[in-house]
Protein backbone atom coordinates (compact mmCIF):
# COMPACT_ATOMS: atom_id res chain seq x y z
CA MET A 1 3.95 0.25 -17.79
CA LYS A 2 6.23 -2.22 -16.02
CA LYS A 3 6.46 -2.58 -12.27
CA GLN A 4 9.14 -0.50 -10.47
CA LYS A 5 12.02 -2.92 -9.82
CA PHE A 6 13.56 -2.88 -6.23
CA ALA A 7 16.61 -4.99 -5.68
CA ILE A 8 18.69 -6.26 -2.50
CA LEU A 9 22.30 -6.83 -2.77
CA ASP A 10 23.53 -8.78 0.15
CA MET A 11 25.77 -11.66 1.14
CA GLU A 12 23.37 -12.81 3.99
CA GLU A 13 20.97 -14.89 1.80
CA ALA A 14 18.39 -15.52 4.64
CA TYR A 15 18.42 -11.71 5.48
CA ALA A 16 17.88 -10.76 1.98
CA CYS A 17 15.07 -13.09 1.29
CA ASN A 18 13.21 -12.33 4.63
CA LEU A 19 13.33 -8.71 3.59
CA MET A 20 12.11 -9.48 0.02
CA GLU A 21 9.18 -11.40 1.25
CA TYR A 22 8.28 -8.43 3.63
CA LEU A 23 8.62 -5.87 0.70
CA ALA A 24 6.48 -8.15 -1.56
CA ASP A 25 3.68 -8.02 1.04
CA ARG A 26 3.49 -4.25 1.02
CA GLN A 27 0.27 -3.33 -0.84
CA SER A 28 0.27 0.41 -1.39
CA VAL A 29 2.85 0.24 -4.16
CA PRO A 30 3.04 -2.54 -6.73
CA PHE A 31 6.66 -3.37 -7.34
CA GLU A 32 8.92 -6.28 -8.30
CA THR A 33 11.56 -7.23 -5.64
CA LEU A 34 14.70 -9.14 -6.56
CA VAL A 35 17.67 -10.39 -4.50
CA PHE A 36 21.24 -10.50 -5.59
CA GLY A 37 24.05 -12.26 -3.78
CA SER A 38 27.14 -10.80 -5.82
CA VAL A 39 28.03 -7.85 -7.70
CA GLU A 40 28.52 -9.88 -10.83
CA ALA A 41 25.03 -11.02 -10.81
CA LEU A 42 23.79 -7.49 -10.36
CA ARG A 43 25.78 -6.31 -13.14
CA ALA A 44 24.53 -8.82 -15.62
CA PHE A 45 20.94 -8.00 -14.73
CA THR A 46 21.42 -4.22 -15.00
CA GLU A 47 22.97 -4.72 -18.42
CA GLN A 48 19.65 -5.90 -19.57
CA SER A 49 17.23 -3.82 -17.41
CA ALA A 50 17.23 -0.89 -15.34
CA LEU A 51 16.65 -0.94 -11.46
CA ASP A 52 14.51 1.72 -9.80
CA LEU A 53 16.05 1.20 -6.32
CA LEU A 54 18.95 -0.87 -4.88
CA LEU A 55 19.27 -1.63 -1.24
CA VAL A 56 22.97 -2.74 -0.79
CA SER A 57 24.95 -3.89 2.06
CA ASP A 58 27.74 -1.39 2.98
CA LYS A 59 30.24 -4.40 2.71
CA MET A 60 29.33 -4.87 -1.01
CA MET A 61 29.10 -1.19 -2.03
CA CYS A 62 31.78 -0.29 -4.55
CA ASP A 63 32.63 2.07 -7.36
CA GLU A 64 31.36 -0.35 -10.00
CA ILE A 65 27.75 -0.20 -8.65
CA ARG A 66 27.75 3.73 -8.90
CA HIS A 67 28.04 3.20 -12.61
CA MET A 68 25.49 0.53 -13.13
CA ASN A 69 21.84 1.34 -14.59
CA ILE A 70 20.36 2.11 -11.18
CA ARG A 71 18.18 5.11 -10.61
CA ARG A 72 18.50 5.14 -6.76
CA ILE A 73 20.80 3.59 -4.26
CA ILE A 74 20.35 3.24 -0.45
CA VAL A 75 23.09 1.58 1.78
CA LEU A 76 22.24 -0.91 4.42
CA SER A 77 24.73 -0.19 7.32
CA GLU A 78 25.74 -2.51 9.96
CA GLY A 79 26.53 0.35 12.27
CA GLU A 80 29.74 1.83 10.98
CA ILE A 81 29.16 5.02 8.92
CA LEU A 82 31.60 4.85 6.13
CA GLN A 83 32.71 8.12 4.60
CA ASP A 84 32.71 6.92 0.97
CA HIS A 85 29.10 6.20 1.12
CA ASP A 86 27.95 9.88 2.08
CA GLU A 87 26.61 10.33 -1.30
CA TYR A 88 23.90 7.75 -0.66
CA PRO A 89 21.23 7.67 2.08
CA LEU A 90 22.02 4.98 4.86
CA VAL A 91 19.73 2.95 6.91
CA TYR A 92 20.58 0.60 9.68
CA LYS A 93 20.46 -3.00 8.55
CA TYR A 94 19.72 -4.77 11.57
CA GLN A 95 16.26 -3.27 12.62
CA SER A 96 12.82 -4.74 12.19
CA SER A 97 11.73 -5.26 8.59
CA GLU A 98 8.87 -2.85 9.38
CA SER A 99 11.13 -0.02 10.58
CA LEU A 100 13.65 -0.67 7.90
CA VAL A 101 11.20 -0.39 5.18
CA ALA A 102 9.48 2.58 6.60
CA GLU A 103 12.91 4.50 6.53
CA VAL A 104 13.77 3.14 2.98
CA MET A 105 10.39 4.33 1.79
CA SER A 106 10.73 7.72 3.33
CA CYS A 107 14.14 8.23 1.85
CA TYR A 108 12.92 6.97 -1.45
CA ALA A 109 9.83 9.19 -1.48
CA ARG A 110 11.90 12.42 -0.92
CA GLN A 111 13.78 11.60 -4.05
CA GLU A 112 10.99 10.51 -6.29
CA MET A 113 8.04 12.19 -8.06
CA ALA A 114 4.85 10.22 -8.74
CA GLN A 115 5.05 7.70 -11.28
CA PRO A 116 2.38 7.13 -14.21
CA ALA A 117 -0.46 4.91 -13.16
CA PHE A 118 -0.19 1.06 -13.83
CA LEU A 119 -2.17 -0.05 -16.73
CA ALA A 120 -3.35 -3.11 -14.75
CA LYS A 121 -4.76 -1.09 -11.97
CA LYS A 122 -8.37 -1.75 -11.13
CA ASN A 123 -10.80 1.02 -10.30
CA MET A 124 -10.58 2.13 -6.58
CA THR A 125 -13.69 2.40 -4.50
CA VAL A 126 -13.81 5.05 -1.85
CA CYS A 127 -16.30 4.10 1.18
CA ALA A 128 -16.90 6.61 3.89
CA VAL A 129 -18.26 5.46 7.39
CA TYR A 130 -19.67 8.71 9.19
CA SER A 131 -22.41 9.40 11.49
CA PRO A 132 -23.48 12.67 13.28
CA VAL A 133 -24.44 10.22 16.16
CA GLY A 134 -21.81 9.33 18.70
CA ARG A 135 -21.24 5.85 20.43
CA CYS A 136 -23.11 4.12 17.39
CA GLY A 137 -20.22 1.42 16.76
CA LYS A 138 -18.78 3.46 13.68
CA THR A 139 -15.17 2.42 14.11
CA CYS A 140 -15.76 -1.18 14.87
CA PHE A 141 -17.83 -1.41 11.81
CA ALA A 142 -15.47 0.23 9.56
CA LEU A 143 -12.50 -2.05 10.84
CA THR A 144 -14.66 -5.31 10.52
CA MET A 145 -15.63 -4.38 7.03
CA GLY A 146 -12.00 -3.57 6.06
CA GLN A 147 -10.83 -6.85 7.46
CA ILE A 148 -13.34 -8.87 5.64
CA LEU A 149 -13.04 -7.02 2.19
CA ALA A 150 -9.22 -7.52 2.71
CA GLN A 151 -9.56 -11.24 2.45
CA ASN A 152 -9.79 -10.74 -1.37
CA ARG A 153 -8.78 -7.23 -2.10
CA THR A 154 -6.24 -4.67 -1.42
CA VAL A 155 -7.94 -2.42 1.25
CA LEU A 156 -6.49 0.81 3.04
CA TYR A 157 -8.19 2.05 6.21
CA ILE A 158 -7.79 5.61 7.15
CA ASN A 159 -9.01 6.96 10.48
CA MET A 160 -10.01 10.54 10.47
CA GLU A 161 -10.95 11.12 14.09
CA GLY A 162 -9.43 13.41 16.59
CA TYR A 163 -9.05 10.76 19.34
CA ALA A 164 -8.63 7.48 17.59
CA GLY A 165 -7.02 5.74 20.39
CA PHE A 166 -5.02 3.33 18.22
CA SER A 167 -1.70 3.72 20.09
CA ALA A 168 -3.54 2.33 23.09
CA LEU A 169 -5.76 -0.04 21.29
CA LEU A 170 -2.75 -1.70 19.63
CA ASP A 171 -0.30 -1.54 22.39
CA GLY A 172 2.07 0.77 20.66
CA ARG A 173 2.55 4.15 18.75
CA ALA A 174 3.49 4.00 15.17
CA PRO A 175 6.75 5.81 14.00
CA SER A 176 4.91 7.85 11.41
CA ASP A 177 1.09 8.60 10.77
CA ILE A 178 -1.24 10.48 8.61
CA SER A 179 0.10 13.92 9.94
CA ASP A 180 3.61 13.09 8.53
CA VAL A 181 2.13 11.96 5.25
CA MET A 182 -0.10 15.10 4.78
CA TYR A 183 2.80 17.46 5.86
CA PHE A 184 4.87 15.66 3.07
CA LEU A 185 2.09 16.13 0.68
CA ARG A 186 1.95 19.94 1.37
CA GLN A 187 5.69 20.22 0.46
CA ASN A 188 5.03 18.89 -3.03
CA ARG A 189 8.69 17.54 -3.16
CA GLY A 190 8.51 13.93 -3.81
CA SER A 191 6.17 10.79 -4.14
CA VAL A 192 3.27 10.95 -1.84
CA ILE A 193 2.40 7.26 -2.24
CA MET A 194 6.03 6.32 -1.43
CA LYS A 195 5.68 8.35 1.69
CA LEU A 196 2.37 6.78 2.59
CA ASN A 197 4.01 3.46 2.12
CA SER A 198 6.58 4.39 4.60
CA ALA A 199 3.82 5.07 7.17
CA VAL A 200 1.36 2.29 6.50
CA GLN A 201 0.94 -0.58 8.99
CA LYS A 202 -0.92 -3.90 8.95
CA MET A 203 -3.61 -5.16 11.04
CA GLY A 204 -4.31 -8.62 10.10
CA ARG A 205 -4.73 -8.54 6.22
CA LEU A 206 -5.82 -4.67 6.42
CA ASP A 207 -3.50 -2.05 5.53
CA TYR A 208 -4.07 1.10 7.79
CA LEU A 209 -2.61 4.59 7.97
CA PRO A 210 -1.87 5.31 11.69
CA PRO A 211 -4.29 8.25 12.72
CA ALA A 212 -3.16 11.72 13.99
CA GLN A 213 -1.79 11.85 17.44
CA SER A 214 -3.19 15.39 18.00
CA PRO A 215 -6.87 16.70 17.07
CA GLN A 216 -5.04 19.92 16.15
CA ASP A 217 -3.11 18.08 13.49
CA LEU A 218 -6.31 16.71 11.96
CA ARG A 219 -8.09 20.22 11.85
CA GLU A 220 -5.29 21.71 9.94
CA ILE A 221 -5.67 19.44 6.97
CA ARG A 222 -7.56 21.10 4.35
CA MET A 223 -10.18 19.74 2.07
CA GLU A 224 -8.02 20.23 -1.02
CA GLU A 225 -5.36 17.97 0.66
CA TRP A 226 -7.71 15.11 1.59
CA SER A 227 -8.72 15.38 -2.27
CA ARG A 228 -5.16 15.28 -3.34
CA LEU A 229 -4.50 12.35 -1.14
CA LEU A 230 -7.46 10.45 -2.65
CA GLU A 231 -6.39 11.37 -6.20
CA GLU A 232 -2.72 10.06 -5.46
CA LEU A 233 -4.22 6.72 -4.25
CA ALA A 234 -6.50 6.32 -7.19
CA ALA A 235 -3.67 7.15 -9.73
CA TYR A 236 -0.50 5.53 -8.26
CA SER A 237 -1.36 2.93 -5.46
CA SER A 238 -2.63 -0.68 -6.00
CA TYR A 239 -5.50 -0.25 -3.43
CA GLU A 240 -8.78 -1.43 -4.76
CA THR A 241 -10.82 -0.07 -1.81
CA VAL A 242 -10.36 2.73 0.62
CA ILE A 243 -12.19 3.02 3.83
CA LEU A 244 -12.47 6.57 5.40
CA ASP A 245 -13.47 6.49 9.08
CA VAL A 246 -14.78 10.23 8.97
CA GLY A 247 -14.94 12.20 12.33
CA ASN A 248 -16.37 15.58 12.83
CA LEU A 249 -13.13 17.53 12.93
CA VAL A 250 -12.37 16.95 9.18
CA ASP A 251 -12.40 20.16 7.15
CA GLU A 252 -15.51 20.62 4.88
CA VAL A 253 -16.91 17.10 5.68
CA PHE A 254 -19.80 17.53 3.30
CA ALA A 255 -17.43 18.07 0.43
CA LEU A 256 -15.36 15.08 1.40
CA LEU A 257 -18.43 12.75 1.59
CA ALA A 258 -19.61 13.85 -1.76
CA GLN A 259 -16.47 12.56 -3.14
CA CYS A 260 -17.04 8.94 -1.80
CA ASP A 261 -18.56 6.13 -3.72
CA VAL A 262 -20.63 4.89 -0.88
CA ILE A 263 -21.36 6.19 2.71
CA TYR A 264 -22.26 3.98 5.64
CA MET A 265 -23.90 5.96 8.26
CA PRO A 266 -24.51 3.96 11.70
CA THR A 267 -27.43 5.20 13.77
CA CYS A 268 -29.11 4.52 17.17
CA ALA A 269 -32.71 4.09 17.75
CA ASP A 270 -33.24 6.64 20.64
CA LEU A 271 -34.84 9.82 20.30
CA LEU A 272 -32.02 12.11 20.57
CA SER A 273 -30.22 10.16 18.00
CA LYS A 274 -33.12 10.31 15.55
CA ALA A 275 -33.10 14.03 15.99
CA LYS A 276 -29.58 14.28 15.20
CA ILE A 277 -30.02 12.44 12.03
CA GLU A 278 -33.02 14.65 11.00
CA GLN A 279 -30.97 17.84 11.55
CA TYR A 280 -28.07 16.37 9.57
CA GLU A 281 -30.25 15.42 6.57
CA ARG A 282 -32.00 18.68 6.62
CA LEU A 283 -28.79 20.72 6.44
CA LEU A 284 -27.61 18.52 3.74
CA ARG A 285 -30.70 19.39 1.65
CA GLU A 286 -30.34 23.16 2.54
CA MET A 287 -26.69 23.06 1.25
CA GLU A 288 -27.61 21.00 -1.90
CA TYR A 289 -25.64 17.91 -0.90
CA THR A 290 -28.57 15.66 -2.01
CA GLU A 291 -26.20 13.25 -3.71
CA ILE A 292 -24.84 12.32 -0.23
CA LEU A 293 -28.20 11.18 0.81
CA GLU A 294 -28.58 9.18 -2.20
CA LYS A 295 -25.53 7.11 -1.75
CA THR A 296 -25.87 6.68 2.13
CA HIS A 297 -26.76 3.38 3.76
CA LYS A 298 -28.29 3.77 7.29
CA LEU A 299 -27.33 1.20 9.66
CA LEU A 300 -28.56 0.01 13.16
CA LEU A 301 -25.30 -1.97 14.14
CA PRO A 302 -25.14 -4.82 16.60
CA PHE A 303 -23.35 -3.96 19.95
CA CYS A 304 -19.58 -4.33 19.53
CA MET A 305 -16.93 -4.58 22.40
CA PRO A 306 -14.00 -6.46 21.75
CA PRO A 307 -13.01 -8.16 25.12
CA ALA A 308 -9.33 -7.38 24.79
CA GLN A 309 -6.87 -4.92 23.21
CA GLY A 310 -3.61 -5.80 21.52
CA GLU A 311 -2.21 -6.99 18.28
CA TYR A 312 -5.01 -9.49 17.72
CA PHE A 313 -8.16 -7.63 18.73
CA TRP A 314 -9.31 -7.34 15.20
CA GLU A 315 -9.88 -11.13 15.19
CA GLN A 316 -12.59 -10.76 17.67
CA LEU A 317 -14.56 -8.22 15.51
CA THR A 318 -14.56 -10.46 12.41
CA ALA A 319 -15.32 -13.60 14.46
CA GLY A 320 -18.18 -12.07 16.37
CA GLU A 321 -21.65 -10.69 15.60
CA MET A 322 -20.31 -7.49 14.05
CA GLY A 323 -18.48 -9.91 11.56
CA ASP A 324 -21.67 -11.80 10.71
CA TYR A 325 -23.52 -8.39 10.21
CA VAL A 326 -20.94 -7.05 7.92
CA ARG A 327 -20.79 -10.02 5.77
CA ARG A 328 -24.58 -10.01 5.26
CA LEU A 329 -24.71 -6.30 4.61
CA LEU A 330 -21.79 -6.43 2.02
CA LYS A 331 -23.68 -9.36 0.33
CA GLN A 332 -27.17 -7.80 0.35
CA GLU A 333 -26.62 -4.10 -0.08
CA ALA A 334 -23.39 -3.49 -1.82
CA GLY A 335 -23.24 -6.42 -4.14
CA TYR A 336 -20.32 -8.03 -2.20
CA ASP A 337 -19.27 -11.45 -3.61
CA PRO A 338 -17.38 -13.58 -1.04
CA GLY A 339 -15.68 -15.43 -3.88
CA THR A 340 -14.06 -12.27 -5.42
CA GLY A 341 -14.32 -9.48 -2.58
CA GLY A 342 -15.93 -7.21 -5.05
CA ILE A 343 -18.35 -4.33 -4.43
CA SER A 344 -20.52 -3.22 -7.17
């Protein structure tokens, strides 16, 4: 199947090109982005090929565009709400590319159902990072692994902890998070992947879905909803690796771990930590989840404490001892090839 075609029609060439570059950098949905500077050029294209989505400046919107071969239209407003555009969603043009694309994708998600999987899509690997032991470096490890894999692969990181602390860690709260995506999924009224794309943020090369702001929101997500999200990602996204940073508030955590391809379990060397691991493994056997034990890699991680928070704190992870540890681990245990970024 062909990629979805998104187009921008605007007289401001620099604006349109900058937005096109930002759209092209989004990883969760593979699409082709086009820029047009005139209605005539747009008409010539749509006479030969359909467009899935058009972002059009309110100054260039006209009746002719309504009759072109375009499935969805969103108007870029410069501030004044024009009555003759009421039939189409409007988004404010002069906001950050991040906010604008989030709003556009959210609008588009409500109008679209999931599209068939792309034939060129690679298999998706789901990696869980989970431990019954606290203060073991789990999240530092998961983020470091995500950054390193993302050098050569499309990677999505999902934090499933009740108190992830991302708003403080990254100096700001995301406009949308996993709670919004899962609520949208429950409604079953549009494209989950497009909605996810409206929420996804970037941390270096790594895409991440901002975590829930409230532990209660996380508790309310049922196992079948986590399964549905993974199915949607596998079928309709371009991600090759999804990293789940799993906390103990997740519903039916064993059932979720059983769906993962590989599980990394950080541990600690003290007596109490060993006792917790022993209890955890005994419970898995009693509940007949031995396949989880078979695909679990126990890890004794190096101490990790980034010296500063903020936008570039992740660089300190990959450049330090944790980065060296993860690179060795991926190469030795998981068949990681630094040249291709593959996990076997």
